[in-house]
Every structure is written in structure tokens, then in C-alpha cells.
């Protein structure tokens, strides 16, 4: 399986669970050491998504464009970036799903105790 395909699949899984926001994609790039590789800060990476607010959803095309811009000044880095993102993709998707599940579980009302009509005297 190619790294590009791995990234596409991880992005689609993030999109399916509604987690394809600027903040989450920047975190993915940070966790993958992409920002360090291209000497960018989280703020600089966030600013590269200038058309999208931090909590809005990012299209695959917008994400690809930001990756391309990051790699332009580091021509040799693009393939390494792709491989690193592909490696981290499943982990970040799993973390997002676990967080959503924990929140859902926390929001569930506690189970009610069964009431008995019998009165013991």
C-alpha cells in the first residue's frame, strides 16, 4: 500500500467522524514531526489554512495544498512527509475515536436501579 493511499484513507476516516478540522490536521502534522522537518510552527501551519477557520472542516484538496506548500521549499522532504503522515494517520484517528467514545460514555445518564413493588417488613 502506498503512503499517499494511507494518508488518503486516514484523512477519509477523520472526515467520516467529523474530525477533519484545521486544529486536528495541524496536530497530525505535529505528531508526525512534519512541522519540525520543514521548520514550521503550529501557528504557521494553521495560517497556511487561511481560507478555513480552526474548527471548520478541511477538504482533502485544501489539506493536499498545504502539504504541497510546506514541501515546496524542501523538495526532498515531500516523500518523507508523506511516509510520516501515513505512519501517524491510524494512531490519530484511533485517538479521536477514543476521545469521542469517552465523551459519549461520560454524557450517558447513570443506570437506574430496579425498583421493587415488594415491601419487606
PDB file of N, CA and C in Angstrom:
ATOM      1  N   UNK A   1       0.854  -1.170   0.000  1.00  0.00           N
ATOM      2  CA  UNK A   1       0.000   0.000   0.000  1.00  0.00           C
ATOM      3  C   UNK A   1       0.901   1.234   0.000  1.00  0.00           C
ATOM      4  N   UNK A   2       0.578   2.221  -0.816  1.00  0.00           N
ATOM      5  CA  UNK A   2       1.412   3.410  -0.914  1.00  0.00           C
ATOM      6  C   UNK A   2       1.139   4.351   0.250  1.00  0.00           C
ATOM      7  N   UNK A   3       2.120   5.182   0.565  1.00  0.00           N
ATOM      8  CA  UNK A   3       1.953   6.146   1.640  1.00  0.00           C
ATOM      9  C   UNK A   3       0.852   7.141   1.319  1.00  0.00           C
ATOM     10  N   UNK A   4       0.754   7.562   0.068  1.00  0.00           N
ATOM     11  CA  UNK A   4      -0.295   8.504  -0.350  1.00  0.00           C
ATOM     12  C   UNK A   4      -1.666   7.886  -0.100  1.00  0.00           C
ATOM     13  N   UNK A   5      -1.806   6.616  -0.412  1.00  0.00           N
ATOM     14  CA  UNK A   5      -3.084   5.937  -0.186  1.00  0.00           C
ATOM     15  C   UNK A   5      -3.379   5.852   1.307  1.00  0.00           C
ATOM     16  N   UNK A   6      -2.348   5.586   2.111  1.00  0.00           N
ATOM     17  CA  UNK A   6      -2.519   5.533   3.564  1.00  0.00           C
ATOM     18  C   UNK A   6      -3.005   6.873   4.102  1.00  0.00           C
ATOM     19  N   UNK A   7      -2.429   7.960   3.615  1.00  0.00           N
ATOM     20  CA  UNK A   7      -2.839   9.296   4.047  1.00  0.00           C
ATOM     21  C   UNK A   7      -4.278   9.557   3.635  1.00  0.00           C
ATOM     22  N   UNK A   8      -4.600   9.210   2.396  1.00  0.00           N
ATOM     23  CA  UNK A   8      -5.971   9.414   1.909  1.00  0.00           C
ATOM     24  C   UNK A   8      -6.968   8.652   2.775  1.00  0.00           C
ATOM     25  N   UNK A   9      -6.641   7.419   3.121  1.00  0.00           N
ATOM     26  CA  UNK A   9      -7.539   6.608   3.954  1.00  0.00           C
ATOM     27  C   UNK A   9      -7.671   7.185   5.356  1.00  0.00           C
ATOM     28  N   UNK A  10      -6.557   7.631   5.938  1.00  0.00           N
ATOM     29  CA  UNK A  10      -6.606   8.220   7.283  1.00  0.00           C
ATOM     30  C   UNK A  10      -7.416   9.519   7.256  1.00  0.00           C
ATOM     31  N   UNK A  11      -7.215  10.331   6.219  1.00  0.00           N
ATOM     32  CA  UNK A  11      -7.983  11.568   6.106  1.00  0.00           C
ATOM     33  C   UNK A  11      -9.485  11.250   5.995  1.00  0.00           C
ATOM     34  N   UNK A  12      -9.826  10.279   5.168  1.00  0.00           N
ATOM     35  CA  UNK A  12     -11.239   9.925   4.994  1.00  0.00           C
ATOM     36  C   UNK A  12     -11.857   9.424   6.297  1.00  0.00           C
ATOM     37  N   UNK A  13     -11.087   8.681   7.080  1.00  0.00           N
ATOM     38  CA  UNK A  13     -11.603   8.213   8.377  1.00  0.00           C
ATOM     39  C   UNK A  13     -11.827   9.397   9.310  1.00  0.00           C
ATOM     40  N   UNK A  14     -10.899  10.373   9.311  1.00  0.00           N
ATOM     41  CA  UNK A  14     -11.096  11.582  10.105  1.00  0.00           C
ATOM     42  C   UNK A  14     -12.346  12.331   9.645  1.00  0.00           C
ATOM     43  N   UNK A  15     -12.507  12.397   8.341  1.00  0.00           N
ATOM     44  CA  UNK A  15     -13.663  13.098   7.778  1.00  0.00           C
ATOM     45  C   UNK A  15     -14.962  12.399   8.187  1.00  0.00           C
ATOM     46  N   UNK A  16     -14.965  11.082   8.148  1.00  0.00           N
ATOM     47  CA  UNK A  16     -16.172  10.316   8.499  1.00  0.00           C
ATOM     48  C   UNK A  16     -16.601  10.552   9.941  1.00  0.00           C
ATOM     49  N   UNK A  17     -15.658  10.771  10.828  1.00  0.00           N
ATOM     50  CA  UNK A  17     -16.019  11.008  12.223  1.00  0.00           C
ATOM     51  C   UNK A  17     -16.069  12.504  12.543  1.00  0.00           C
ATOM     52  N   UNK A  18     -15.990  13.335  11.494  1.00  0.00           N
ATOM     53  CA  UNK A  18     -16.130  14.775  11.665  1.00  0.00           C
ATOM     54  C   UNK A  18     -14.946  15.458  12.312  1.00  0.00           C
ATOM     55  N   UNK A  19     -13.766  14.884  12.204  1.00  0.00           N
ATOM     56  CA  UNK A  19     -12.585  15.427  12.873  1.00  0.00           C
ATOM     57  C   UNK A  19     -11.560  16.014  11.899  1.00  0.00           C
ATOM     58  N   UNK A  20     -11.979  16.350  10.687  1.00  0.00           N
ATOM     59  CA  UNK A  20     -11.060  16.907   9.688  1.00  0.00           C
ATOM     60  C   UNK A  20     -10.996  18.432   9.800  1.00  0.00           C
ATOM     61  N   UNK A  21     -10.704  18.914  11.030  1.00  0.00           N
ATOM     62  CA  UNK A  21     -10.582  20.344  11.278  1.00  0.00           C
ATOM     63  C   UNK A  21      -9.132  20.781  11.128  1.00  0.00           C
ATOM     64  N   UNK A  22      -8.931  22.089  10.995  1.00  0.00           N
ATOM     65  CA  UNK A  22      -7.579  22.630  10.914  1.00  0.00           C
ATOM     66  C   UNK A  22      -6.784  22.200  12.149  1.00  0.00           C
ATOM     67  N   UNK A  23      -7.378  22.365  13.313  1.00  0.00           N
ATOM     68  CA  UNK A  23      -6.671  22.032  14.559  1.00  0.00           C
ATOM     69  C   UNK A  23      -6.218  20.571  14.572  1.00  0.00           C
ATOM     70  N   UNK A  24      -7.086  19.658  14.166  1.00  0.00           N
ATOM     71  CA  UNK A  24      -6.727  18.235  14.181  1.00  0.00           C
ATOM     72  C   UNK A  24      -5.696  17.888  13.115  1.00  0.00           C
ATOM     73  N   UNK A  25      -5.794  18.503  11.932  1.00  0.00           N
ATOM     74  CA  UNK A  25      -4.822  18.219  10.879  1.00  0.00           C
ATOM     75  C   UNK A  25      -3.451  18.791  11.239  1.00  0.00           C
ATOM     76  N   UNK A  26      -3.424  19.967  11.858  1.00  0.00           N
ATOM     77  CA  UNK A  26      -2.152  20.531  12.309  1.00  0.00           C
ATOM     78  C   UNK A  26      -1.553  19.634  13.397  1.00  0.00           C
ATOM     79  N   UNK A  27      -2.395  19.127  14.293  1.00  0.00           N
ATOM     80  CA  UNK A  27      -1.908  18.208  15.332  1.00  0.00           C
ATOM     81  C   UNK A  27      -1.324  16.946  14.694  1.00  0.00           C
ATOM     82  N   UNK A  28      -1.977  16.429  13.665  1.00  0.00           N
ATOM     83  CA  UNK A  28      -1.476  15.258  12.947  1.00  0.00           C
ATOM     84  C   UNK A  28      -0.097  15.561  12.372  1.00  0.00           C
ATOM     85  N   UNK A  29       0.054  16.740  11.741  1.00  0.00           N
ATOM     86  CA  UNK A  29       1.349  17.113  11.170  1.00  0.00           C
ATOM     87  C   UNK A  29       2.396  17.271  12.275  1.00  0.00           C
ATOM     88  N   UNK A  30       1.985  17.798  13.424  1.00  0.00           N
ATOM     89  CA  UNK A  30       2.917  17.955  14.551  1.00  0.00           C
ATOM     90  C   UNK A  30       3.344  16.581  15.074  1.00  0.00           C
ATOM     91  N   UNK A  31       2.367  15.699  15.307  1.00  0.00           N
ATOM     92  CA  UNK A  31       2.674  14.357  15.814  1.00  0.00           C
ATOM     93  C   UNK A  31       3.549  13.570  14.848  1.00  0.00           C
ATOM     94  N   UNK A  32       3.400  13.837  13.569  1.00  0.00           N
ATOM     95  CA  UNK A  32       4.181  13.135  12.542  1.00  0.00           C
ATOM     96  C   UNK A  32       5.565  13.743  12.348  1.00  0.00           C
ATOM     97  N   UNK A  33       5.863  14.803  13.089  1.00  0.00           N
ATOM     98  CA  UNK A  33       7.147  15.517  13.009  1.00  0.00           C
ATOM     99  C   UNK A  33       7.326  16.268  11.692  1.00  0.00           C
ATOM    100  N   UNK A  34       6.222  16.483  10.965  1.00  0.00           N
ATOM    101  CA  UNK A  34       6.289  17.220   9.694  1.00  0.00           C
ATOM    102  C   UNK A  34       6.667  18.666   9.947  1.00  0.00           C
ATOM    103  N   UNK A  35       6.060  19.284  10.948  1.00  0.00           N
ATOM    104  CA  UNK A  35       6.339  20.695  11.221  1.00  0.00           C
ATOM    105  C   UNK A  35       7.808  20.888  11.574  1.00  0.00           C
ATOM    106  N   UNK A  36       8.341  19.977  12.335  1.00  0.00           N
ATOM    107  CA  UNK A  36       9.755  20.036  12.697  1.00  0.00           C
ATOM    108  C   UNK A  36      10.628  19.866  11.443  1.00  0.00           C
ATOM    109  N   UNK A  37      10.227  18.972  10.578  1.00  0.00           N
ATOM    110  CA  UNK A  37      11.000  18.683   9.370  1.00  0.00           C
ATOM    111  C   UNK A  37      11.093  19.899   8.448  1.00  0.00           C
ATOM    112  N   UNK A  38      10.015  20.652   8.339  1.00  0.00           N
ATOM    113  CA  UNK A  38      10.006  21.809   7.440  1.00  0.00           C
ATOM    114  C   UNK A  38      10.188  23.117   8.208  1.00  0.00           C
ATOM    115  N   UNK A  39      10.545  22.993   9.491  1.00  0.00           N
ATOM    116  CA  UNK A  39      10.833  24.143  10.345  1.00  0.00           C
ATOM    117  C   UNK A  39       9.667  25.135  10.375  1.00  0.00           C
ATOM    118  N   UNK A  40       8.481  24.613  10.667  1.00  0.00           N
ATOM    119  CA  UNK A  40       7.273  25.435  10.781  1.00  0.00           C
ATOM    120  C   UNK A  40       6.710  25.283  12.184  1.00  0.00           C
ATOM    121  N   UNK A  41       6.096  26.350  12.682  1.00  0.00           N
ATOM    122  CA  UNK A  41       5.416  26.281  13.968  1.00  0.00           C
ATOM    123  C   UNK A  41       3.973  25.868  13.730  1.00  0.00           C
ATOM    124  N   UNK A  42       3.290  25.509  14.813  1.00  0.00           N
ATOM    125  CA  UNK A  42       1.862  25.182  14.696  1.00  0.00           C
ATOM    126  C   UNK A  42       1.104  26.397  14.177  1.00  0.00           C
ATOM    127  N   UNK A  43       1.488  27.571  14.637  1.00  0.00           N
ATOM    128  CA  UNK A  43       0.818  28.806  14.198  1.00  0.00           C
ATOM    129  C   UNK A  43       1.005  29.005  12.694  1.00  0.00           C
ATOM    130  N   UNK A  44       2.227  28.809  12.218  1.00  0.00           N
ATOM    131  CA  UNK A  44       2.486  28.962  10.783  1.00  0.00           C
ATOM    132  C   UNK A  44       1.685  27.936   9.977  1.00  0.00           C
ATOM    133  N   UNK A  45       1.627  26.722  10.473  1.00  0.00           N
ATOM    134  CA  UNK A  45       0.863  25.687   9.773  1.00  0.00           C
ATOM    135  C   UNK A  45      -0.615  26.047   9.744  1.00  0.00           C
ATOM    136  N   UNK A  46      -1.131  26.525  10.869  1.00  0.00           N
ATOM    137  CA  UNK A  46      -2.541  26.925  10.941  1.00  0.00           C
ATOM    138  C   UNK A  46      -2.822  28.053   9.956  1.00  0.00           C
ATOM    139  N   UNK A  47      -1.903  28.998   9.866  1.00  0.00           N
ATOM    140  CA  UNK A  47      -2.072  30.132   8.945  1.00  0.00           C
ATOM    141  C   UNK A  47      -2.077  29.689   7.487  1.00  0.00           C
ATOM    142  N   UNK A  48      -1.474  28.549   7.186  1.00  0.00           N
ATOM    143  CA  UNK A  48      -1.470  28.052   5.807  1.00  0.00           C
ATOM    144  C   UNK A  48      -2.870  27.602   5.372  1.00  0.00           C
ATOM    145  N   UNK A  49      -3.729  27.371   6.343  1.00  0.00           N
ATOM    146  CA  UNK A  49      -5.127  27.037   6.051  1.00  0.00           C
ATOM    147  C   UNK A  49      -5.956  28.320   6.121  1.00  0.00           C
ATOM    148  N   UNK A  50      -5.451  29.403   5.535  1.00  0.00           N
ATOM    149  CA  UNK A  50      -6.052  30.725   5.710  1.00  0.00           C
ATOM    150  C   UNK A  50      -7.522  30.810   5.296  1.00  0.00           C
ATOM    151  N   UNK A  51      -7.969  29.961   4.400  1.00  0.00           N
ATOM    152  CA  UNK A  51      -9.368  30.013   3.964  1.00  0.00           C
ATOM    153  C   UNK A  51     -10.306  29.270   4.909  1.00  0.00           C
ATOM    154  N   UNK A  52      -9.748  28.560   5.883  1.00  0.00           N
ATOM    155  CA  UNK A  52     -10.560  27.734   6.768  1.00  0.00           C
ATOM    156  C   UNK A  52     -10.301  28.143   8.218  1.00  0.00           C
ATOM    157  N   UNK A  53     -11.349  28.395   8.970  1.00  0.00           N
ATOM    158  CA  UNK A  53     -11.204  28.699  10.395  1.00  0.00           C
ATOM    159  C   UNK A  53     -10.815  27.420  11.140  1.00  0.00           C
ATOM    160  N   UNK A  54     -10.198  27.579  12.291  1.00  0.00           N
ATOM    161  CA  UNK A  54      -9.608  26.461  13.039  1.00  0.00           C
ATOM    162  C   UNK A  54     -10.539  25.279  13.280  1.00  0.00           C
ATOM    163  N   UNK A  55     -11.808  25.506  13.544  1.00  0.00           N
ATOM    164  CA  UNK A  55     -12.707  24.394  13.836  1.00  0.00           C
ATOM    165  C   UNK A  55     -13.579  23.992  12.654  1.00  0.00           C
ATOM    166  N   UNK A  56     -13.411  24.648  11.520  1.00  0.00           N
ATOM    167  CA  UNK A  56     -14.174  24.249  10.341  1.00  0.00           C
ATOM    168  C   UNK A  56     -13.530  23.035   9.686  1.00  0.00           C
ATOM    169  N   UNK A  57     -14.308  22.362   8.871  1.00  0.00           N
ATOM    170  CA  UNK A  57     -13.814  21.166   8.191  1.00  0.00           C
ATOM    171  C   UNK A  57     -12.911  21.561   7.017  1.00  0.00           C
ATOM    172  N   UNK A  58     -11.892  20.771   6.813  1.00  0.00           N
ATOM    173  CA  UNK A  58     -10.913  20.992   5.749  1.00  0.00           C
ATOM    174  C   UNK A  58     -11.132  19.938   4.677  1.00  0.00           C
ATOM    175  N   UNK A  59     -11.193  20.367   3.417  1.00  0.00           N
ATOM    176  CA  UNK A  59     -11.342  19.396   2.335  1.00  0.00           C
ATOM    177  C   UNK A  59      -9.998  18.717   2.085  1.00  0.00           C
ATOM    178  N   UNK A  60     -10.041  17.573   1.440  1.00  0.00           N
ATOM    179  CA  UNK A  60      -8.803  16.850   1.102  1.00  0.00           C
ATOM    180  C   UNK A  60      -7.927  17.712   0.200  1.00  0.00           C
ATOM    181  N   UNK A  61      -8.559  18.445  -0.712  1.00  0.00           N
ATOM    182  CA  UNK A  61      -7.806  19.308  -1.628  1.00  0.00           C
ATOM    183  C   UNK A  61      -7.069  20.403  -0.862  1.00  0.00           C
ATOM    184  N   UNK A  62      -7.729  21.002   0.131  1.00  0.00           N
ATOM    185  CA  UNK A  62      -7.087  22.041   0.942  1.00  0.00           C
ATOM    186  C   UNK A  62      -5.912  21.445   1.725  1.00  0.00           C
ATOM    187  N   UNK A  63      -6.094  20.275   2.291  1.00  0.00           N
ATOM    188  CA  UNK A  63      -5.033  19.617   3.037  1.00  0.00           C
ATOM    189  C   UNK A  63      -3.853  19.302   2.124  1.00  0.00           C
ATOM    190  N   UNK A  64      -4.125  18.752   0.944  1.00  0.00           N
ATOM    191  CA  UNK A  64      -3.055  18.448  -0.012  1.00  0.00           C
ATOM    192  C   UNK A  64      -2.300  19.713  -0.419  1.00  0.00           C
ATOM    193  N   UNK A  65      -3.023  20.810  -0.596  1.00  0.00           N
ATOM    194  CA  UNK A  65      -2.400  22.071  -0.996  1.00  0.00           C
ATOM    195  C   UNK A  65      -1.449  22.580   0.090  1.00  0.00           C
ATOM    196  N   UNK A  66      -1.847  22.483   1.340  1.00  0.00           N
ATOM    197  CA  UNK A  66      -0.976  22.909   2.437  1.00  0.00           C
ATOM    198  C   UNK A  66       0.279  22.036   2.488  1.00  0.00           C
ATOM    199  N   UNK A  67       0.103  20.719   2.334  1.00  0.00           N
ATOM    200  CA  UNK A  67       1.271  19.830   2.325  1.00  0.00           C
ATOM    201  C   UNK A  67       2.218  20.188   1.177  1.00  0.00           C
ATOM    202  N   UNK A  68       1.635  20.491   0.038  1.00  0.00           N
ATOM    203  CA  UNK A  68       2.440  20.860  -1.136  1.00  0.00           C
ATOM    204  C   UNK A  68       3.223  22.147  -0.861  1.00  0.00           C
ATOM    205  N   UNK A  69       2.559  23.147  -0.269  1.00  0.00           N
ATOM    206  CA  UNK A  69       3.234  24.413   0.050  1.00  0.00           C
ATOM    207  C   UNK A  69       4.374  24.182   1.035  1.00  0.00           C
ATOM    208  N   UNK A  70       4.142  23.331   2.028  1.00  0.00           N
ATOM    209  CA  UNK A  70       5.185  23.052   3.009  1.00  0.00           C
ATOM    210  C   UNK A  70       6.393  22.397   2.359  1.00  0.00           C
ATOM    211  N   UNK A  71       6.141  21.559   1.394  1.00  0.00           N
ATOM    212  CA  UNK A  71       7.227  20.801   0.771  1.00  0.00           C
ATOM    213  C   UNK A  71       7.944  21.592  -0.323  1.00  0.00           C
ATOM    214  N   UNK A  72       7.322  22.670  -0.836  1.00  0.00           N
ATOM    215  CA  UNK A  72       7.924  23.419  -1.945  1.00  0.00           C
ATOM    216  C   UNK A  72       9.336  23.886  -1.636  1.00  0.00           C
ATOM    217  N   UNK A  73       9.552  24.371  -0.424  1.00  0.00           N
ATOM    218  CA  UNK A  73      10.883  24.857  -0.076  1.00  0.00           C
ATOM    219  C   UNK A  73      11.812  23.727   0.363  1.00  0.00           C
ATOM    220  N   UNK A  74      11.280  22.545   0.448  1.00  0.00           N
ATOM    221  CA  UNK A  74      12.054  21.372   0.871  1.00  0.00           C
ATOM    222  C   UNK A  74      11.749  20.219  -0.092  1.00  0.00           C
ATOM    223  N   UNK A  75      12.196  20.336  -1.305  1.00  0.00           N
ATOM    224  CA  UNK A  75      11.847  19.373  -2.359  1.00  0.00           C
ATOM    225  C   UNK A  75      12.107  17.919  -1.958  1.00  0.00           C
ATOM    226  N   UNK A  76      13.150  17.663  -1.244  1.00  0.00           N
ATOM    227  CA  UNK A  76      13.490  16.292  -0.863  1.00  0.00           C
ATOM    228  C   UNK A  76      12.613  15.760   0.269  1.00  0.00           C
ATOM    229  N   UNK A  77      11.824  16.621   0.865  1.00  0.00           N
ATOM    230  CA  UNK A  77      11.068  16.275   2.052  1.00  0.00           C
ATOM    231  C   UNK A  77       9.692  15.676   1.739  1.00  0.00           C
ATOM    232  N   UNK A  78       9.140  15.952   0.581  1.00  0.00           N
ATOM    233  CA  UNK A  78       7.768  15.560   0.285  1.00  0.00           C
ATOM    234  C   UNK A  78       7.523  14.070   0.493  1.00  0.00           C
ATOM    235  N   UNK A  79       8.389  13.230  -0.029  1.00  0.00           N
ATOM    236  CA  UNK A  79       8.175  11.785   0.136  1.00  0.00           C
ATOM    237  C   UNK A  79       8.312  11.367   1.597  1.00  0.00           C
ATOM    238  N   UNK A  80       9.247  11.961   2.317  1.00  0.00           N
ATOM    239  CA  UNK A  80       9.385  11.650   3.744  1.00  0.00           C
ATOM    240  C   UNK A  80       8.170  12.142   4.516  1.00  0.00           C
ATOM    241  N   UNK A  81       7.651  13.326   4.144  1.00  0.00           N
ATOM    242  CA  UNK A  81       6.448  13.846   4.798  1.00  0.00           C
ATOM    243  C   UNK A  81       5.287  12.879   4.604  1.00  0.00           C
ATOM    244  N   UNK A  82       5.123  12.415   3.400  1.00  0.00           N
ATOM    245  CA  UNK A  82       4.033  11.503   3.075  1.00  0.00           C
ATOM    246  C   UNK A  82       4.143  10.229   3.905  1.00  0.00           C
ATOM    247  N   UNK A  83       5.337   9.681   3.987  1.00  0.00           N
ATOM    248  CA  UNK A  83       5.539   8.451   4.754  1.00  0.00           C
ATOM    249  C   UNK A  83       5.259   8.668   6.244  1.00  0.00           C
ATOM    250  N   UNK A  84       5.689   9.796   6.773  1.00  0.00           N
ATOM    251  CA  UNK A  84       5.483  10.064   8.194  1.00  0.00           C
ATOM    252  C   UNK A  84       4.007  10.279   8.522  1.00  0.00           C
ATOM    253  N   UNK A  85       3.296  11.003   7.649  1.00  0.00           N
ATOM    254  CA  UNK A  85       1.860  11.204   7.864  1.00  0.00           C
ATOM    255  C   UNK A  85       1.113   9.881   7.777  1.00  0.00           C
ATOM    256  N   UNK A  86       1.501   9.053   6.827  1.00  0.00           N
ATOM    257  CA  UNK A  86       0.842   7.756   6.675  1.00  0.00           C
ATOM    258  C   UNK A  86       1.038   6.908   7.923  1.00  0.00           C
ATOM    259  N   UNK A  87       2.214   6.976   8.506  1.00  0.00           N
ATOM    260  CA  UNK A  87       2.505   6.190   9.704  1.00  0.00           C
ATOM    261  C   UNK A  87       1.667   6.657  10.896  1.00  0.00           C
ATOM    262  N   UNK A  88       1.502   7.957  11.053  1.00  0.00           N
ATOM    263  CA  UNK A  88       0.779   8.522  12.197  1.00  0.00           C
ATOM    264  C   UNK A  88      -0.733   8.548  12.005  1.00  0.00           C
ATOM    265  N   UNK A  89      -1.209   8.462  10.773  1.00  0.00           N
ATOM    266  CA  UNK A  89      -2.635   8.581  10.489  1.00  0.00           C
ATOM    267  C   UNK A  89      -3.530   7.672  11.316  1.00  0.00           C
ATOM    268  N   UNK A  90      -3.304   6.372  11.295  1.00  0.00           N
ATOM    269  CA  UNK A  90      -4.175   5.480  12.059  1.00  0.00           C
ATOM    270  C   UNK A  90      -4.171   5.780  13.557  1.00  0.00           C
ATOM    271  N   UNK A  91      -3.031   6.157  14.119  1.00  0.00           N
ATOM    272  CA  UNK A  91      -2.956   6.455  15.542  1.00  0.00           C
ATOM    273  C   UNK A  91      -3.814   7.662  15.897  1.00  0.00           C
ATOM    274  N   UNK A  92      -3.748   8.717  15.085  1.00  0.00           N
ATOM    275  CA  UNK A  92      -4.525   9.916  15.418  1.00  0.00           C
ATOM    276  C   UNK A  92      -6.018   9.665  15.224  1.00  0.00           C
ATOM    277  N   UNK A  93      -6.376   8.879  14.213  1.00  0.00           N
ATOM    278  CA  UNK A  93      -7.796   8.536  14.017  1.00  0.00           C
ATOM    279  C   UNK A  93      -8.299   7.750  15.219  1.00  0.00           C
ATOM    280  N   UNK A  94      -7.521   6.779  15.664  1.00  0.00           N
ATOM    281  CA  UNK A  94      -7.918   5.976  16.830  1.00  0.00           C
ATOM    282  C   UNK A  94      -8.038   6.847  18.082  1.00  0.00           C
ATOM    283  N   UNK A  95      -7.131   7.794  18.233  1.00  0.00           N
ATOM    284  CA  UNK A  95      -7.193   8.685  19.401  1.00  0.00           C
ATOM    285  C   UNK A  95      -8.448   9.542  19.361  1.00  0.00           C
ATOM    286  N   UNK A  96      -8.807  10.044  18.185  1.00  0.00           N
ATOM    287  CA  UNK A  96     -10.023  10.859  18.045  1.00  0.00           C
ATOM    288  C   UNK A  96     -11.267  10.022  18.344  1.00  0.00           C
ATOM    289  N   UNK A  97     -11.288   8.798  17.860  1.00  0.00           N
ATOM    290  CA  UNK A  97     -12.432   7.929  18.104  1.00  0.00           C
ATOM    291  C   UNK A  97     -12.540   7.597  19.599  1.00  0.00           C
ATOM    292  N   UNK A  98     -11.415   7.345  20.240  1.00  0.00           N
ATOM    293  CA  UNK A  98     -11.430   7.033  21.673  1.00  0.00           C
ATOM    294  C   UNK A  98     -11.921   8.230  22.479  1.00  0.00           C
ATOM    295  N   UNK A  99     -11.487   9.426  22.096  1.00  0.00           N
ATOM    296  CA  UNK A  99     -11.935  10.630  22.797  1.00  0.00           C
ATOM    297  C   UNK A  99     -13.433  10.827  22.622  1.00  0.00           C
ATOM    298  N   UNK A 100     -13.930  10.615  21.415  1.00  0.00           N
ATOM    299  CA  UNK A 100     -15.367  10.759  21.164  1.00  0.00           C
ATOM    300  C   UNK A 100     -16.158   9.734  21.971  1.00  0.00           C
ATOM    301  N   UNK A 101     -15.658   8.506  22.045  1.00  0.00           N
ATOM    302  CA  UNK A 101     -16.337   7.445  22.802  1.00  0.00           C
ATOM    303  C   UNK A 101     -16.338   7.772  24.288  1.00  0.00           C
ATOM    304  N   UNK A 102     -15.221   8.253  24.805  1.00  0.00           N
ATOM    305  CA  UNK A 102     -15.133   8.609  26.229  1.00  0.00           C
ATOM    306  C   UNK A 102     -16.109   9.734  26.557  1.00  0.00           C
ATOM    307  N   UNK A 103     -16.202  10.716  25.668  1.00  0.00           N
ATOM    308  CA  UNK A 103     -17.140  11.814  25.881  1.00  0.00           C
ATOM    309  C   UNK A 103     -18.571  11.300  25.854  1.00  0.00           C
ATOM    310  N   UNK A 104     -18.863  10.450  24.885  1.00  0.00           N
ATOM    311  CA  UNK A 104     -20.210   9.866  24.772  1.00  0.00           C
ATOM    312  C   UNK A 104     -20.561   9.075  26.033  1.00  0.00           C
ATOM    313  N   UNK A 105     -19.627   8.265  26.512  1.00  0.00           N
ATOM    314  CA  UNK A 105     -19.853   7.470  27.722  1.00  0.00           C
ATOM    315  C   UNK A 105     -20.068   8.375  28.939  1.00  0.00           C
ATOM    316  N   UNK A 106     -19.310   9.442  29.023  1.00  0.00           N
ATOM    317  CA  UNK A 106     -19.420  10.367  30.149  1.00  0.00           C
ATOM    318  C   UNK A 106     -20.773  11.070  30.148  1.00  0.00           C
ATOM    319  N   UNK A 107     -21.349  11.287  28.972  1.00  0.00           N
ATOM    320  CA  UNK A 107     -22.603  12.013  28.853  1.00  0.00           C
ATOM    321  C   UNK A 107     -23.831  11.132  29.073  1.00  0.00           C
ATOM    322  N   UNK A 108     -23.648   9.814  29.094  1.00  0.00           N
ATOM    323  CA  UNK A 108     -24.772   8.906  29.315  1.00  0.00           C
ATOM    324  C   UNK A 108     -25.252   9.027  30.754  1.00  0.00           C
ATOM    325  N   UNK A 109     -26.567   9.018  30.960  1.00  0.00           N
ATOM    326  CA  UNK A 109     -27.062   9.066  32.336  1.00  0.00           C
ATOM    327  C   UNK A 109     -26.728   7.755  33.043  1.00  0.00           C
ATOM    328  N   UNK A 110     -26.551   7.818  34.366  1.00  0.00           N
ATOM    329  CA  UNK A 110     -26.236   6.580  35.093  1.00  0.00           C
ATOM    330  C   UNK A 110     -27.422   5.628  35.034  1.00  0.00           C
ATOM    331  N   UNK A 111     -27.160   4.330  35.064  1.00  0.00           N
ATOM    332  CA  UNK A 111     -28.267   3.359  35.016  1.00  0.00           C
ATOM    333  C   UNK A 111     -29.126   3.492  36.268  1.00  0.00           C
ATOM    334  N   UNK A 112     -30.412   3.338  36.087  1.00  0.00           N
ATOM    335  CA  UNK A 112     -31.351   3.447  37.206  1.00  0.00           C
ATOM    336  C   UNK A 112     -31.454   2.087  37.889  1.00  0.00           C
ATOM    337  N   UNK A 113     -31.570   2.127  39.219  1.00  0.00           N
ATOM    338  CA  UNK A 113     -31.729   0.890  39.959  1.00  0.00           C
ATOM    339  C   UNK A 113     -33.132   0.361  39.743  1.00  0.00           C
ATOM    340  N   UNK A 114     -33.256  -0.950  39.702  1.00  0.00           N
ATOM    341  CA  UNK A 114     -34.576  -1.572  39.533  1.00  0.00           C
ATOM    342  C   UNK A 114     -35.361  -1.368  40.816  1.00  0.00           C
ATOM    343  N   UNK A 115     -36.608  -0.956  40.666  1.00  0.00           N
ATOM    344  CA  UNK A 115     -37.486  -0.758  41.831  1.00  0.00           C
ATOM    345  C   UNK A 115     -38.353  -1.978  42.018  1.00  0.00           C
ATOM    346  N   UNK A 116     -38.523  -2.339  43.234  1.00  0.00           N
ATOM    347  CA  UNK A 116     -39.329  -3.495  43.559  1.00  0.00           C
ATOM    348  C   UNK A 116     -40.631  -3.040  44.221  1.00  0.00           C
ATOM    349  N   UNK A 117     -41.713  -3.690  43.875  1.00  0.00           N
ATOM    350  CA  UNK A 117     -43.012  -3.386  44.490  1.00  0.00           C
ATOM    351  C   UNK A 117     -43.161  -4.070  45.849  1.00  0.00           C
ATOM    352  N   UNK A 118     -42.282  -4.987  46.166  1.00  0.00           N
ATOM    353  CA  UNK A 118     -42.353  -5.729  47.420  1.00  0.00           C
ATOM    354  C   UNK A 118     -41.810  -4.897  48.559  1.00  0.00           C
ATOM    355  N   UNK A 119     -42.497  -4.894  49.663  1.00  0.00           N
ATOM    356  CA  UNK A 119     -42.024  -4.196  50.840  1.00  0.00           C
ATOM    357  C   UNK A 119     -41.738  -5.241  51.894  1.00  0.00           C
ATOM    358  N   UNK A 120     -40.528  -5.257  52.369  1.00  0.00           N
ATOM    359  CA  UNK A 120     -40.133  -6.225  53.386  1.00  0.00           C
ATOM    360  C   UNK A 120     -40.237  -5.540  54.737  1.00  0.00           C
ATOM    361  N   UNK A 121     -41.022  -6.171  55.645  1.00  0.00           N
ATOM    362  CA  UNK A 121     -41.169  -5.556  56.957  1.00  0.00           C
ATOM    363  C   UNK A 121     -40.577  -6.429  58.034  1.00  0.00           C
TER     364      UNK A 121
END
